[in-house]
Amino acid sequence: MPRLRRSLLRRYRLFAPRLFRRGLWLLALLLLCDGIAALCFPQLQAALSLNAPPGQPQNGARSLVVTPMETGPGTRTLATDTFRRADQLYWGTASDGHPWQADANHLRYFAILDGAGVIHAPDQPQTCTALLGPSVANVEITVSASLSRFGPSVLGVVLRWSDAGDFYLLYLDGQNLGLARAMDGMLTPLQVVAFPARAGALYTFRFRAVGARLFAMVWPTGQPALSDWQISLSDDALNSGQAGIRVFTQKSAQVKVTAFTEVEL
């Protein structure tokens, strides 16, 4: 036993300095990697966040600062309606002289009443569309409207409408503000944000499409507009089309539209 103990001690004295040096190198390497990770992780996280799919904003991310809707240089008013005309069946001709299109001038649910464009819904589910203005690519609309009863009724506006199966829809369902794309008859949600809406209250929609970028917000009519877009995303599926209003109503829900303006950007 004493001989074996002396042999082990000699081996330990021989290899201990080498093991100690390797341990120091390993510790230094670990500290270096930790420092690199601390420096690079924020940039890596930011790079990954840029690849997030549309409709999935990162926590804490802010949208672009909103500029006021103007009709100065670089813009052109395409359509406008104040609805201040005599009571009548259908929506007829807008205050800018252009006729309303789609369902607005042939479905009997549409009427002008007390200075508003009204859609009287039947008890059965009914989807109604009203279009105004030409087909364009880069455009912005503001629409003030109310819905007497949300759920399942939905109040919405559309951009880049080419037919009943292809358009962008910005809508209020009573609990959320949502942006969806209809393409080849299939409706795909793009982004949804919480926005409780009160039945019968007027809300102003602002919806913009420039190239592949879509921007949207909504706020109570009569109050100051928001300073940030609530929805901001990219989608290049639809390039141009008309603008207008699209609603889904049932159980005698009533829509009132008091203002519509469209400008080309």
Protein backbone atom coordinates (compact mmCIF):
# COMPACT_ATOMS: atom_id res chain seq x y z
CA MET A 1 0.00 0.00 0.00
CA PRO A 2 2.69 2.62 0.79
CA ARG A 3 4.31 1.94 -2.57
CA LEU A 4 0.94 2.41 -4.41
CA ARG A 5 0.30 5.66 -2.50
CA ARG A 6 3.71 7.06 -3.46
CA SER A 7 3.05 6.13 -7.12
CA LEU A 8 -0.28 7.97 -7.17
CA LEU A 9 1.25 11.06 -5.56
CA ARG A 10 3.97 11.17 -8.20
CA ARG A 11 1.37 10.94 -10.98
CA TYR A 12 -0.75 13.70 -9.40
CA ARG A 13 2.28 16.03 -9.10
CA LEU A 14 3.05 15.31 -12.75
CA PHE A 15 -0.43 16.01 -14.16
CA ALA A 16 -1.82 18.60 -11.70
CA PRO A 17 -0.17 21.66 -13.33
CA ARG A 18 -1.39 20.56 -16.76
CA LEU A 19 -4.98 20.06 -15.51
CA PHE A 20 -4.86 23.42 -13.72
CA ARG A 21 -3.75 25.20 -16.89
CA ARG A 22 -6.49 23.52 -18.96
CA GLY A 23 -9.05 24.53 -16.35
CA LEU A 24 -7.94 28.15 -16.58
CA TRP A 25 -8.19 28.10 -20.39
CA LEU A 26 -11.69 26.61 -20.22
CA LEU A 27 -12.81 29.23 -17.68
CA ALA A 28 -11.42 32.04 -19.87
CA LEU A 29 -13.20 30.63 -22.94
CA LEU A 30 -16.51 30.47 -21.11
CA LEU A 31 -16.15 34.07 -19.91
CA LEU A 32 -15.32 35.22 -23.46
CA CYS A 33 -18.40 33.48 -24.92
CA ASP A 34 -20.59 34.99 -22.22
CA GLY A 35 -19.31 38.48 -23.04
CA ILE A 36 -19.92 38.03 -26.76
CA ALA A 37 -23.46 36.82 -26.12
CA ALA A 38 -24.18 39.81 -23.87
CA LEU A 39 -23.05 42.19 -26.61
CA CYS A 40 -24.75 40.51 -29.57
CA PHE A 41 -28.03 39.23 -28.11
CA PRO A 42 -29.99 42.53 -28.50
CA GLN A 43 -28.98 42.77 -32.18
CA LEU A 44 -29.83 39.11 -32.73
CA GLN A 45 -33.22 39.53 -31.07
CA ALA A 46 -33.97 42.58 -33.21
CA ALA A 47 -33.00 40.71 -36.39
CA LEU A 48 -35.28 37.82 -35.51
CA SER A 49 -38.17 40.17 -34.75
CA LEU A 50 -37.98 41.58 -38.29
CA ASN A 51 -38.91 38.15 -39.63
CA ALA A 52 -42.07 37.85 -37.56
CA PRO A 53 -45.12 37.06 -39.76
CA PRO A 54 -47.63 39.84 -40.54
CA GLY A 55 -50.18 40.38 -37.81
CA GLN A 56 -47.83 39.32 -34.99
CA PRO A 57 -46.33 42.58 -33.63
CA GLN A 58 -43.52 42.30 -31.10
CA ASN A 59 -44.27 43.23 -27.49
CA GLY A 60 -43.48 46.87 -26.86
CA ALA A 61 -43.05 47.70 -30.56
CA ARG A 62 -44.53 51.02 -31.68
CA SER A 63 -46.04 51.70 -35.05
CA LEU A 64 -45.17 54.54 -37.37
CA VAL A 65 -46.05 58.08 -36.37
CA VAL A 66 -49.22 59.17 -38.11
CA THR A 67 -49.39 62.28 -40.26
CA PRO A 68 -52.70 64.13 -40.65
CA MET A 69 -54.84 63.30 -43.66
CA GLU A 70 -54.40 66.22 -46.05
CA THR A 71 -55.33 67.07 -49.61
CA GLY A 72 -52.24 69.11 -50.42
CA PRO A 73 -49.47 68.47 -52.96
CA GLY A 74 -49.06 64.81 -53.82
CA THR A 75 -52.67 63.89 -53.00
CA ARG A 76 -55.88 63.99 -55.00
CA THR A 77 -59.42 63.73 -53.68
CA LEU A 78 -61.13 60.83 -55.42
CA ALA A 79 -64.48 60.63 -53.66
CA THR A 80 -66.40 62.27 -50.85
CA ASP A 81 -69.90 62.09 -49.41
CA THR A 82 -71.44 64.02 -46.52
CA PHE A 83 -74.85 62.29 -46.95
CA ARG A 84 -76.57 65.64 -46.42
CA ARG A 85 -79.38 65.27 -48.91
CA ALA A 86 -83.09 64.58 -48.91
CA ASP A 87 -84.38 61.32 -47.47
CA GLN A 88 -84.62 58.69 -50.19
CA LEU A 89 -84.44 55.02 -50.97
CA TYR A 90 -80.89 53.91 -51.87
CA TRP A 91 -77.79 56.05 -51.44
CA GLY A 92 -78.05 57.55 -54.92
CA THR A 93 -75.41 60.13 -55.89
CA ALA A 94 -72.72 61.22 -53.42
CA SER A 95 -72.17 64.89 -52.61
CA ASP A 96 -69.21 64.93 -55.04
CA GLY A 97 -71.49 63.92 -57.94
CA HIS A 98 -70.36 60.27 -58.23
CA PRO A 99 -72.94 57.47 -57.89
CA TRP A 100 -72.59 54.86 -55.18
CA GLN A 101 -71.98 51.38 -56.58
CA ALA A 102 -72.35 47.70 -55.62
CA ASP A 103 -75.39 47.14 -53.34
CA ALA A 104 -75.93 50.79 -52.37
CA ASN A 105 -78.23 51.60 -55.30
CA HIS A 106 -80.18 48.40 -55.77
CA LEU A 107 -80.70 46.69 -52.39
CA ARG A 108 -83.69 48.10 -50.54
CA TYR A 109 -81.80 47.94 -47.24
CA PHE A 110 -79.99 51.16 -48.25
CA ALA A 111 -81.51 54.61 -47.70
CA ILE A 112 -80.69 58.23 -46.91
CA LEU A 113 -82.34 59.19 -43.62
CA ASP A 114 -81.81 62.28 -41.45
CA GLY A 115 -78.51 63.19 -43.11
CA ALA A 116 -76.92 59.74 -42.91
CA GLY A 117 -76.44 56.77 -45.18
CA VAL A 118 -78.43 54.02 -43.50
CA ILE A 119 -78.42 50.25 -43.97
CA HIS A 120 -81.46 48.56 -42.41
CA ALA A 121 -80.64 44.91 -41.83
CA PRO A 122 -83.27 42.18 -42.06
CA ASP A 123 -83.66 39.49 -39.40
CA GLN A 124 -81.71 37.11 -41.62
CA PRO A 125 -77.90 37.48 -42.00
CA GLN A 126 -77.02 39.92 -44.77
CA THR A 127 -73.68 41.14 -46.15
CA CYS A 128 -73.86 44.55 -47.85
CA THR A 129 -71.24 46.47 -49.82
CA ALA A 130 -71.17 50.10 -50.97
CA LEU A 131 -68.35 51.36 -53.23
CA LEU A 132 -67.46 54.91 -54.25
CA GLY A 133 -64.73 56.23 -56.53
CA PRO A 134 -62.37 54.71 -59.12
CA SER A 135 -60.01 51.76 -58.89
CA VAL A 136 -56.58 52.95 -57.64
CA ALA A 137 -53.47 51.56 -55.97
CA ASN A 138 -52.24 54.02 -53.31
CA VAL A 139 -55.17 55.44 -51.40
CA GLU A 140 -56.47 56.47 -48.00
CA ILE A 141 -60.04 56.64 -46.76
CA THR A 142 -61.70 58.06 -43.66
CA VAL A 143 -65.21 56.88 -42.84
CA SER A 144 -67.44 57.77 -39.88
CA ALA A 145 -70.07 55.15 -39.11
CA SER A 146 -71.98 53.38 -36.35
CA LEU A 147 -73.60 49.99 -35.81
CA SER A 148 -76.63 49.60 -33.53
CA ARG A 149 -75.71 46.06 -32.44
CA PHE A 150 -72.40 44.19 -32.57
CA GLY A 151 -72.04 40.43 -32.44
CA PRO A 152 -72.44 38.77 -34.79
CA SER A 153 -72.96 41.97 -36.81
CA VAL A 154 -69.71 43.58 -38.01
CA LEU A 155 -68.96 47.11 -39.25
CA GLY A 156 -66.19 47.47 -41.84
CA VAL A 157 -64.55 49.41 -44.66
CA VAL A 158 -62.66 48.06 -47.68
CA LEU A 159 -59.71 48.98 -49.89
CA ARG A 160 -58.43 47.48 -53.16
CA TRP A 161 -61.79 45.87 -53.86
CA SER A 162 -61.89 44.17 -57.26
CA ASP A 163 -64.83 41.83 -56.64
CA ALA A 164 -66.71 40.09 -53.83
CA GLY A 165 -63.84 37.65 -53.36
CA ASP A 166 -60.83 39.98 -53.46
CA PHE A 167 -60.35 42.97 -51.11
CA TYR A 168 -58.81 44.20 -47.86
CA LEU A 169 -61.28 44.59 -44.98
CA LEU A 170 -60.84 46.72 -41.84
CA TYR A 171 -63.59 45.92 -39.34
CA LEU A 172 -64.97 46.35 -35.84
CA ASP A 173 -66.75 43.38 -34.25
CA GLY A 174 -67.47 44.97 -30.87
CA GLN A 175 -64.38 43.61 -29.13
CA ASN A 176 -61.59 43.99 -31.68
CA LEU A 177 -60.30 45.99 -34.61
CA GLY A 178 -59.19 43.60 -37.32
CA LEU A 179 -57.59 43.68 -40.74
CA ALA A 180 -58.22 40.79 -43.11
CA ARG A 181 -57.54 39.91 -46.73
CA ALA A 182 -60.11 38.26 -48.97
CA MET A 183 -58.53 36.53 -51.95
CA ASP A 184 -60.22 34.07 -54.28
CA GLY A 185 -63.14 34.05 -51.85
CA MET A 186 -61.02 33.01 -48.84
CA LEU A 187 -60.86 35.43 -45.90
CA THR A 188 -57.49 35.47 -44.08
CA PRO A 189 -56.98 37.46 -40.85
CA LEU A 190 -53.80 39.58 -41.03
CA GLN A 191 -53.82 41.41 -37.69
CA VAL A 192 -56.23 41.91 -34.79
CA VAL A 193 -55.94 44.34 -31.86
CA ALA A 194 -58.27 44.76 -28.90
CA PHE A 195 -60.76 47.60 -29.32
CA PRO A 196 -64.06 47.43 -27.41
CA ALA A 197 -66.71 49.30 -29.44
CA ARG A 198 -69.98 50.63 -28.08
CA ALA A 199 -73.20 49.85 -29.95
CA GLY A 200 -74.72 52.92 -31.60
CA ALA A 201 -71.60 55.09 -31.16
CA LEU A 202 -69.97 56.75 -34.17
CA TYR A 203 -66.41 55.66 -34.96
CA THR A 204 -64.02 57.07 -37.52
CA PHE A 205 -62.04 54.57 -39.58
CA ARG A 206 -58.80 55.58 -41.25
CA PHE A 207 -57.41 53.01 -43.68
CA ARG A 208 -54.37 53.50 -45.94
CA ALA A 209 -52.68 51.34 -48.60
CA VAL A 210 -49.35 52.42 -50.12
CA GLY A 211 -47.49 49.82 -52.14
CA ALA A 212 -47.38 46.69 -50.02
CA ARG A 213 -47.89 48.61 -46.76
CA LEU A 214 -51.25 48.74 -44.98
CA PHE A 215 -52.03 51.11 -42.11
CA ALA A 216 -55.20 51.42 -40.04
CA MET A 217 -56.74 53.03 -36.98
CA VAL A 218 -60.15 53.77 -35.51
CA TRP A 219 -61.32 56.18 -32.81
CA PRO A 220 -64.60 57.66 -31.51
CA THR A 221 -65.87 60.32 -33.92
CA GLY A 222 -65.52 63.83 -32.52
CA GLN A 223 -62.44 62.99 -30.48
CA PRO A 224 -58.84 63.69 -31.58
CA ALA A 225 -57.33 61.13 -33.96
CA LEU A 226 -54.72 58.76 -32.57
CA SER A 227 -51.03 59.61 -32.82
CA ASP A 228 -49.99 56.05 -33.77
CA TRP A 229 -51.34 53.50 -36.22
CA GLN A 230 -53.05 50.65 -34.42
CA ILE A 231 -52.33 48.31 -37.32
CA SER A 232 -49.28 48.44 -39.59
CA LEU A 233 -48.15 45.54 -41.77
CA SER A 234 -46.99 44.45 -45.22
CA ASP A 235 -49.02 42.40 -47.68
CA ASP A 236 -48.53 42.46 -51.45
CA ALA A 237 -51.34 40.10 -52.46
CA LEU A 238 -53.69 42.83 -53.78
CA ASN A 239 -52.39 45.76 -55.81
CA SER A 240 -55.34 48.05 -56.59
CA GLY A 241 -59.11 48.38 -56.47
CA GLN A 242 -62.00 50.46 -55.21
CA ALA A 243 -62.76 51.68 -51.71
CA GLY A 244 -65.98 51.52 -49.78
CA ILE A 245 -68.01 50.08 -46.91
CA ARG A 246 -68.80 46.45 -46.17
CA VAL A 247 -70.95 45.25 -43.28
CA PHE A 248 -72.39 42.00 -42.02
CA THR A 249 -75.67 42.48 -40.19
CA GLN A 250 -78.59 40.52 -38.84
CA LYS A 251 -81.38 40.68 -36.26
CA SER A 252 -82.46 44.15 -37.46
CA ALA A 253 -79.09 45.79 -36.73
CA GLN A 254 -78.76 49.22 -38.35
CA VAL A 255 -75.70 50.91 -39.85
CA LYS A 256 -75.35 54.71 -40.13
CA VAL A 257 -72.62 56.35 -42.20
CA THR A 258 -72.17 60.11 -41.81
CA ALA A 259 -68.98 60.82 -43.80
CA PHE A 260 -66.81 59.21 -46.46
CA THR A 261 -63.61 60.64 -47.96
CA GLU A 262 -61.07 59.01 -50.25
CA VAL A 263 -57.77 60.51 -51.44
CA GLU A 264 -55.13 59.14 -53.76
CA LEU A 265 -51.59 59.28 -52.36
